[in-house]
PDB file of all heavy atoms in Angstrom:
ATOM      1  N   ILE A   1      -9.948  54.333  41.617  1.00  0.00           N
ATOM      2  CA  ILE A   1     -10.450  52.957  41.974  1.00  0.00           C
ATOM      3  C   ILE A   1     -10.510  52.068  40.715  1.00  0.00           C
ATOM      4  O   ILE A   1     -10.482  52.581  39.557  1.00  0.00           O
ATOM      5  CB  ILE A   1     -11.782  53.103  42.678  1.00  0.00           C
ATOM      6  CG1 ILE A   1     -12.834  53.747  41.786  1.00  0.00           C
ATOM      7  CG2 ILE A   1     -11.689  53.698  43.988  1.00  0.00           C
ATOM      8  CD1 ILE A   1     -14.241  53.795  42.413  1.00  0.00           C
ATOM      9  N   GLY A   2     -10.558  50.764  40.962  1.00  0.00           N
ATOM     10  CA  GLY A   2     -10.881  49.833  39.942  1.00  0.00           C
ATOM     11  C   GLY A   2      -9.726  48.943  39.495  1.00  0.00           C
ATOM     12  O   GLY A   2      -9.884  47.853  39.052  1.00  0.00           O
ATOM     13  N   THR A   3      -8.498  49.417  39.631  1.00  0.00           N
ATOM     14  CA  THR A   3      -7.324  48.755  39.228  1.00  0.00           C
ATOM     15  C   THR A   3      -7.177  47.442  39.847  1.00  0.00           C
ATOM     16  O   THR A   3      -6.894  46.420  39.250  1.00  0.00           O
ATOM     17  CB  THR A   3      -6.016  49.566  39.436  1.00  0.00           C
ATOM     18  OG1 THR A   3      -6.215  50.923  38.784  1.00  0.00           O
ATOM     19  CG2 THR A   3      -4.820  48.874  38.875  1.00  0.00           C
ATOM     20  N   ASN A   4      -7.336  47.342  41.168  1.00  0.00           N
ATOM     21  CA  ASN A   4      -7.168  46.146  41.907  1.00  0.00           C
ATOM     22  C   ASN A   4      -8.292  45.031  41.576  1.00  0.00           C
ATOM     23  O   ASN A   4      -7.998  43.858  41.640  1.00  0.00           O
ATOM     24  CB  ASN A   4      -7.096  46.374  43.458  1.00  0.00           C
ATOM     25  CG  ASN A   4      -5.880  47.130  43.767  1.00  0.00           C
ATOM     26  OD1 ASN A   4      -4.832  47.040  43.259  1.00  0.00           O
ATOM     27  ND2 ASN A   4      -6.041  47.968  44.900  1.00  0.00           N
ATOM     28  N   ASP A   5      -9.490  45.512  41.209  1.00  0.00           N
ATOM     29  CA  ASP A   5     -10.483  44.652  40.885  1.00  0.00           C
ATOM     30  C   ASP A   5     -10.210  43.836  39.622  1.00  0.00           C
ATOM     31  O   ASP A   5     -10.707  42.704  39.513  1.00  0.00           O
ATOM     32  CB  ASP A   5     -11.833  45.414  40.721  1.00  0.00           C
ATOM     33  CG  ASP A   5     -12.203  46.062  41.924  1.00  0.00           C
ATOM     34  OD1 ASP A   5     -11.748  47.228  42.246  1.00  0.00           O
ATOM     35  OD2 ASP A   5     -13.033  45.458  42.691  1.00  0.00           O
ATOM     36  N   LEU A   6      -9.486  44.347  38.732  1.00  0.00           N
ATOM     37  CA  LEU A   6      -9.395  43.769  37.398  1.00  0.00           C
ATOM     38  C   LEU A   6      -8.588  42.425  37.363  1.00  0.00           C
ATOM     39  O   LEU A   6      -8.658  41.629  36.489  1.00  0.00           O
ATOM     40  CB  LEU A   6      -8.664  44.675  36.388  1.00  0.00           C
ATOM     41  CG  LEU A   6      -9.586  45.956  35.901  1.00  0.00           C
ATOM     42  CD1 LEU A   6      -8.773  46.883  35.149  1.00  0.00           C
ATOM     43  CD2 LEU A   6     -10.705  45.436  35.274  1.00  0.00           C
ATOM     44  N   LYS A   7      -7.920  42.207  38.511  1.00  0.00           N
ATOM     45  CA  LYS A   7      -7.171  40.967  38.610  1.00  0.00           C
ATOM     46  C   LYS A   7      -8.225  39.689  38.687  1.00  0.00           C
ATOM     47  O   LYS A   7      -7.882  38.690  38.213  1.00  0.00           O
ATOM     48  CB  LYS A   7      -6.248  40.923  39.800  1.00  0.00           C
ATOM     49  CG  LYS A   7      -5.426  39.736  39.965  1.00  0.00           C
ATOM     50  CD  LYS A   7      -4.399  39.811  41.103  1.00  0.00           C
ATOM     51  CE  LYS A   7      -3.527  38.774  41.246  1.00  0.00           C
ATOM     52  NZ  LYS A   7      -2.547  38.835  42.364  1.00  0.00           N
ATOM     53  N   ASP A   8      -9.272  39.938  39.354  1.00  0.00           N
ATOM     54  CA  ASP A   8     -10.276  38.841  39.611  1.00  0.00           C
ATOM     55  C   ASP A   8     -11.651  39.001  39.000  1.00  0.00           C
ATOM     56  O   ASP A   8     -12.433  38.130  39.110  1.00  0.00           O
ATOM     57  CB  ASP A   8     -10.581  38.795  41.111  1.00  0.00           C
ATOM     58  CG  ASP A   8      -9.214  38.495  41.912  1.00  0.00           C
ATOM     59  OD1 ASP A   8      -8.513  37.590  41.512  1.00  0.00           O
ATOM     60  OD2 ASP A   8      -8.988  39.143  42.957  1.00  0.00           O
ATOM     61  N   GLU A   9     -11.905  40.198  38.255  1.00  0.00           N
ATOM     62  CA  GLU A   9     -13.196  40.335  37.744  1.00  0.00           C
ATOM     63  C   GLU A   9     -13.044  40.835  36.317  1.00  0.00           C
ATOM     64  O   GLU A   9     -12.079  41.447  35.895  1.00  0.00           O
ATOM     65  CB  GLU A   9     -13.981  41.380  38.591  1.00  0.00           C
ATOM     66  CG  GLU A   9     -14.228  41.032  40.013  1.00  0.00           C
ATOM     67  CD  GLU A   9     -15.056  42.006  40.749  1.00  0.00           C
ATOM     68  OE1 GLU A   9     -16.099  42.504  40.220  1.00  0.00           O
ATOM     69  OE2 GLU A   9     -14.673  42.265  41.943  1.00  0.00           O
ATOM     70  N   GLU A  10     -14.194  40.681  35.586  1.00  0.00           N
ATOM     71  CA  GLU A  10     -14.254  41.178  34.157  1.00  0.00           C
ATOM     72  C   GLU A  10     -14.371  42.764  34.188  1.00  0.00           C
ATOM     73  O   GLU A  10     -14.990  43.266  35.047  1.00  0.00           O
ATOM     74  CB  GLU A  10     -15.393  40.514  33.537  1.00  0.00           C
ATOM     75  CG  GLU A  10     -15.385  39.057  33.297  1.00  0.00           C
ATOM     76  CD  GLU A  10     -14.193  38.710  32.271  1.00  0.00           C
ATOM     77  OE1 GLU A  10     -14.024  39.425  31.331  1.00  0.00           O
ATOM     78  OE2 GLU A  10     -13.427  37.851  32.587  1.00  0.00           O
ATOM     79  N   PRO A  11     -13.820  43.321  33.148  1.00  0.00           N
ATOM     80  CA  PRO A  11     -13.892  44.880  33.068  1.00  0.00           C
ATOM     81  C   PRO A  11     -15.303  45.446  33.161  1.00  0.00           C
ATOM     82  O   PRO A  11     -15.556  46.415  33.842  1.00  0.00           O
ATOM     83  CB  PRO A  11     -13.235  45.164  31.678  1.00  0.00           C
ATOM     84  CG  PRO A  11     -12.316  43.974  31.445  1.00  0.00           C
ATOM     85  CD  PRO A  11     -13.009  42.793  32.118  1.00  0.00           C
ATOM     86  N   GLN A  12     -16.289  44.669  32.545  1.00  0.00           N
ATOM     87  CA  GLN A  12     -17.621  45.165  32.489  1.00  0.00           C
ATOM     88  C   GLN A  12     -18.215  45.227  34.000  1.00  0.00           C
ATOM     89  O   GLN A  12     -18.993  46.197  34.383  1.00  0.00           O
ATOM     90  CB  GLN A  12     -18.590  44.308  31.601  1.00  0.00           C
ATOM     91  CG  GLN A  12     -18.210  44.476  30.194  1.00  0.00           C
ATOM     92  CD  GLN A  12     -17.067  43.597  29.801  1.00  0.00           C
ATOM     93  OE1 GLN A  12     -16.505  42.883  30.635  1.00  0.00           O
ATOM     94  NE2 GLN A  12     -16.731  43.652  28.537  1.00  0.00           N
ATOM     95  N   GLN A  13     -17.878  44.157  34.778  1.00  0.00           N
ATOM     96  CA  GLN A  13     -18.395  44.021  36.119  1.00  0.00           C
ATOM     97  C   GLN A  13     -17.682  45.200  37.024  1.00  0.00           C
ATOM     98  O   GLN A  13     -18.431  45.791  37.835  1.00  0.00           O
ATOM     99  CB  GLN A  13     -18.028  42.693  36.728  1.00  0.00           C
ATOM    100  CG  GLN A  13     -18.632  42.514  38.132  1.00  0.00           C
ATOM    101  CD  GLN A  13     -20.198  42.613  38.235  1.00  0.00           C
ATOM    102  OE1 GLN A  13     -20.875  42.341  37.284  1.00  0.00           O
ATOM    103  NE2 GLN A  13     -20.606  43.006  39.338  1.00  0.00           N
ATOM    104  N   VAL A  14     -16.428  45.405  36.799  1.00  0.00           N
ATOM    105  CA  VAL A  14     -15.737  46.469  37.452  1.00  0.00           C
ATOM    106  C   VAL A  14     -16.325  47.909  37.127  1.00  0.00           C
ATOM    107  O   VAL A  14     -16.560  48.694  38.070  1.00  0.00           O
ATOM    108  CB  VAL A  14     -14.277  46.473  37.240  1.00  0.00           C
ATOM    109  CG1 VAL A  14     -13.409  47.618  37.904  1.00  0.00           C
ATOM    110  CG2 VAL A  14     -13.584  45.155  37.666  1.00  0.00           C
ATOM    111  N   ALA A  15     -16.570  48.020  35.885  1.00  0.00           N
ATOM    112  CA  ALA A  15     -17.167  49.356  35.523  1.00  0.00           C
ATOM    113  C   ALA A  15     -18.606  49.607  36.175  1.00  0.00           C
ATOM    114  O   ALA A  15     -18.828  50.599  36.617  1.00  0.00           O
ATOM    115  CB  ALA A  15     -17.343  49.360  33.995  1.00  0.00           C
ATOM    116  N   LYS A  16     -19.330  48.492  36.223  1.00  0.00           N
ATOM    117  CA  LYS A  16     -20.638  48.588  36.801  1.00  0.00           C
ATOM    118  C   LYS A  16     -20.533  48.954  38.305  1.00  0.00           C
ATOM    119  O   LYS A  16     -21.264  49.748  38.697  1.00  0.00           O
ATOM    120  CB  LYS A  16     -21.489  47.238  36.640  1.00  0.00           C
ATOM    121  CG  LYS A  16     -22.909  47.287  37.130  1.00  0.00           C
ATOM    122  CD  LYS A  16     -23.502  45.898  36.977  1.00  0.00           C
ATOM    123  CE  LYS A  16     -23.820  45.688  35.514  1.00  0.00           C
ATOM    124  NZ  LYS A  16     -24.755  44.520  35.293  1.00  0.00           N
ATOM    125  N   LYS A  17     -19.671  48.395  38.930  1.00  0.00           N
ATOM    126  CA  LYS A  17     -19.433  48.621  40.406  1.00  0.00           C
ATOM    127  C   LYS A  17     -18.959  50.076  40.588  1.00  0.00           C
ATOM    128  O   LYS A  17     -19.345  50.743  41.615  1.00  0.00           O
ATOM    129  CB  LYS A  17     -18.397  47.721  40.992  1.00  0.00           C
ATOM    130  CG  LYS A  17     -18.947  46.264  41.233  1.00  0.00           C
ATOM    131  CD  LYS A  17     -17.802  45.464  41.837  1.00  0.00           C
ATOM    132  CE  LYS A  17     -18.342  44.123  42.259  1.00  0.00           C
ATOM    133  NZ  LYS A  17     -17.236  43.333  43.005  1.00  0.00           N
ATOM    134  N   ILE A  18     -18.124  50.550  39.770  1.00  0.00           N
ATOM    135  CA  ILE A  18     -17.576  51.911  39.812  1.00  0.00           C
ATOM    136  C   ILE A  18     -18.757  52.920  39.625  1.00  0.00           C
ATOM    137  O   ILE A  18     -18.948  53.803  40.341  1.00  0.00           O
ATOM    138  CB  ILE A  18     -16.506  52.264  38.819  1.00  0.00           C
ATOM    139  CG1 ILE A  18     -15.180  51.386  39.266  1.00  0.00           C
ATOM    140  CG2 ILE A  18     -16.183  53.732  38.703  1.00  0.00           C
ATOM    141  CD1 ILE A  18     -14.142  51.502  38.196  1.00  0.00           C
ATOM    142  N   VAL A  19     -19.575  52.665  38.571  1.00  0.00           N
ATOM    143  CA  VAL A  19     -20.759  53.496  38.387  1.00  0.00           C
ATOM    144  C   VAL A  19     -21.645  53.516  39.553  1.00  0.00           C
ATOM    145  O   VAL A  19     -22.176  54.586  39.991  1.00  0.00           O
ATOM    146  CB  VAL A  19     -21.396  53.090  37.079  1.00  0.00           C
ATOM    147  CG1 VAL A  19     -22.873  53.750  36.928  1.00  0.00           C
ATOM    148  CG2 VAL A  19     -20.716  53.367  35.821  1.00  0.00           C
ATOM    149  N   ASN A  20     -21.959  52.310  40.143  1.00  0.00           N
ATOM    150  CA  ASN A  20     -22.842  52.274  41.293  1.00  0.00           C
ATOM    151  C   ASN A  20     -22.303  52.990  42.489  1.00  0.00           C
ATOM    152  O   ASN A  20     -23.010  53.621  43.251  1.00  0.00           O
ATOM    153  CB  ASN A  20     -23.164  50.760  41.594  1.00  0.00           C
ATOM    154  CG  ASN A  20     -23.975  50.083  40.625  1.00  0.00           C
ATOM    155  OD1 ASN A  20     -24.709  50.812  39.917  1.00  0.00           O
ATOM    156  ND2 ASN A  20     -23.968  48.745  40.498  1.00  0.00           N
ATOM    157  N   LEU A  21     -21.045  52.997  42.685  1.00  0.00           N
ATOM    158  CA  LEU A  21     -20.346  53.685  43.779  1.00  0.00           C
ATOM    159  C   LEU A  21     -20.522  55.142  43.585  1.00  0.00           C
ATOM    160  O   LEU A  21     -20.885  55.882  44.434  1.00  0.00           O
ATOM    161  CB  LEU A  21     -18.912  53.352  43.926  1.00  0.00           C
ATOM    162  CG  LEU A  21     -18.122  54.153  44.901  1.00  0.00           C
ATOM    163  CD1 LEU A  21     -18.571  53.995  46.332  1.00  0.00           C
ATOM    164  CD2 LEU A  21     -16.607  53.781  44.897  1.00  0.00           C
ATOM    165  N   GLY A  22     -20.323  55.699  42.290  1.00  0.00           N
ATOM    166  CA  GLY A  22     -20.535  57.113  42.052  1.00  0.00           C
ATOM    167  C   GLY A  22     -21.903  57.452  42.242  1.00  0.00           C
ATOM    168  O   GLY A  22     -22.074  58.600  42.848  1.00  0.00           O
ATOM    169  N   LEU A  23     -22.856  56.759  41.751  1.00  0.00           N
ATOM    170  CA  LEU A  23     -24.261  57.029  41.964  1.00  0.00           C
ATOM    171  C   LEU A  23     -24.548  57.101  43.537  1.00  0.00           C
ATOM    172  O   LEU A  23     -25.353  58.026  43.902  1.00  0.00           O
ATOM    173  CB  LEU A  23     -25.170  56.128  41.190  1.00  0.00           C
ATOM    174  CG  LEU A  23     -25.067  56.112  39.756  1.00  0.00           C
ATOM    175  CD1 LEU A  23     -25.859  55.034  39.133  1.00  0.00           C
ATOM    176  CD2 LEU A  23     -25.539  57.488  39.184  1.00  0.00           C
ATOM    177  N   SER A  24     -24.047  56.153  44.238  1.00  0.00           N
ATOM    178  CA  SER A  24     -24.328  56.199  45.631  1.00  0.00           C
ATOM    179  C   SER A  24     -23.818  57.529  46.292  1.00  0.00           C
ATOM    180  O   SER A  24     -24.465  58.083  47.186  1.00  0.00           O
ATOM    181  CB  SER A  24     -23.688  54.984  46.307  1.00  0.00           C
ATOM    182  OG  SER A  24     -23.747  54.966  47.612  1.00  0.00           O
ATOM    183  N   ILE A  25     -22.568  57.817  45.930  1.00  0.00           N
ATOM    184  CA  ILE A  25     -21.978  59.086  46.514  1.00  0.00           C
ATOM    185  C   ILE A  25     -22.779  60.272  46.125  1.00  0.00           C
ATOM    186  O   ILE A  25     -23.055  61.158  46.953  1.00  0.00           O
ATOM    187  CB  ILE A  25     -20.480  59.142  46.064  1.00  0.00           C
ATOM    188  CG1 ILE A  25     -19.665  58.131  46.722  1.00  0.00           C
ATOM    189  CG2 ILE A  25     -19.978  60.604  46.364  1.00  0.00           C
ATOM    190  CD1 ILE A  25     -18.259  57.959  46.143  1.00  0.00           C
ATOM    191  N   GLU A  26     -23.235  60.326  44.838  1.00  0.00           N
ATOM    192  CA  GLU A  26     -23.996  61.455  44.432  1.00  0.00           C
ATOM    193  C   GLU A  26     -25.386  61.552  45.108  1.00  0.00           C
ATOM    194  O   GLU A  26     -25.821  62.568  45.483  1.00  0.00           O
ATOM    195  CB  GLU A  26     -24.243  61.365  42.908  1.00  0.00           C
ATOM    196  CG  GLU A  26     -23.036  61.764  42.122  1.00  0.00           C
ATOM    197  CD  GLU A  26     -23.219  61.688  40.619  1.00  0.00           C
ATOM    198  OE1 GLU A  26     -24.170  61.106  40.248  1.00  0.00           O
ATOM    199  OE2 GLU A  26     -22.396  62.231  39.905  1.00  0.00           O
ATOM    200  N   ARG A  27     -25.932  60.456  45.473  1.00  0.00           N
ATOM    201  CA  ARG A  27     -27.217  60.429  46.254  1.00  0.00           C
ATOM    202  C   ARG A  27     -26.887  60.939  47.684  1.00  0.00           C
ATOM    203  O   ARG A  27     -27.761  61.718  48.154  1.00  0.00           O
ATOM    204  CB  ARG A  27     -27.837  59.079  46.310  1.00  0.00           C
ATOM    205  CG  ARG A  27     -28.689  58.608  45.136  1.00  0.00           C
ATOM    206  CD  ARG A  27     -29.497  57.368  45.353  1.00  0.00           C
ATOM    207  NE  ARG A  27     -28.582  56.185  45.677  1.00  0.00           N
ATOM    208  CZ  ARG A  27     -28.062  55.451  44.893  1.00  0.00           C
ATOM    209  NH1 ARG A  27     -28.213  55.672  43.571  1.00  0.00           N
ATOM    210  NH2 ARG A  27     -27.352  54.383  45.279  1.00  0.00           N
ATOM    211  N   GLU A  28     -25.810  60.536  48.216  1.00  0.00           N
ATOM    212  CA  GLU A  28     -25.563  60.884  49.667  1.00  0.00           C
ATOM    213  C   GLU A  28     -25.141  62.398  49.753  1.00  0.00           C
ATOM    214  O   GLU A  28     -25.514  63.122  50.738  1.00  0.00           O
ATOM    215  CB  GLU A  28     -24.431  60.095  50.212  1.00  0.00           C
ATOM    216  CG  GLU A  28     -24.891  58.683  50.566  1.00  0.00           C
ATOM    217  CD  GLU A  28     -23.682  57.937  51.250  1.00  0.00           C
ATOM    218  OE1 GLU A  28     -22.966  58.481  52.089  1.00  0.00           O
ATOM    219  OE2 GLU A  28     -23.507  56.679  50.840  1.00  0.00           O
ATOM    220  N   THR A  29     -24.369  62.832  48.836  1.00  0.00           N
ATOM    221  CA  THR A  29     -23.880  64.189  48.845  1.00  0.00           C
ATOM    222  C   THR A  29     -23.997  64.896  47.501  1.00  0.00           C
ATOM    223  O   THR A  29     -22.971  65.030  46.773  1.00  0.00           O
ATOM    224  CB  THR A  29     -22.370  64.321  49.318  1.00  0.00           C
ATOM    225  OG1 THR A  29     -21.595  63.566  48.411  1.00  0.00           O
ATOM    226  CG2 THR A  29     -22.240  63.720  50.666  1.00  0.00           C
TER     227      THR A  29
END
């Protein structure tokens, strides 16, 4: 994930979203 986001968002914002998604998945499973 993340490649498509870089067209419209700053790398730091994309990285933050990826980390948040990962943490969400770890909480669920």
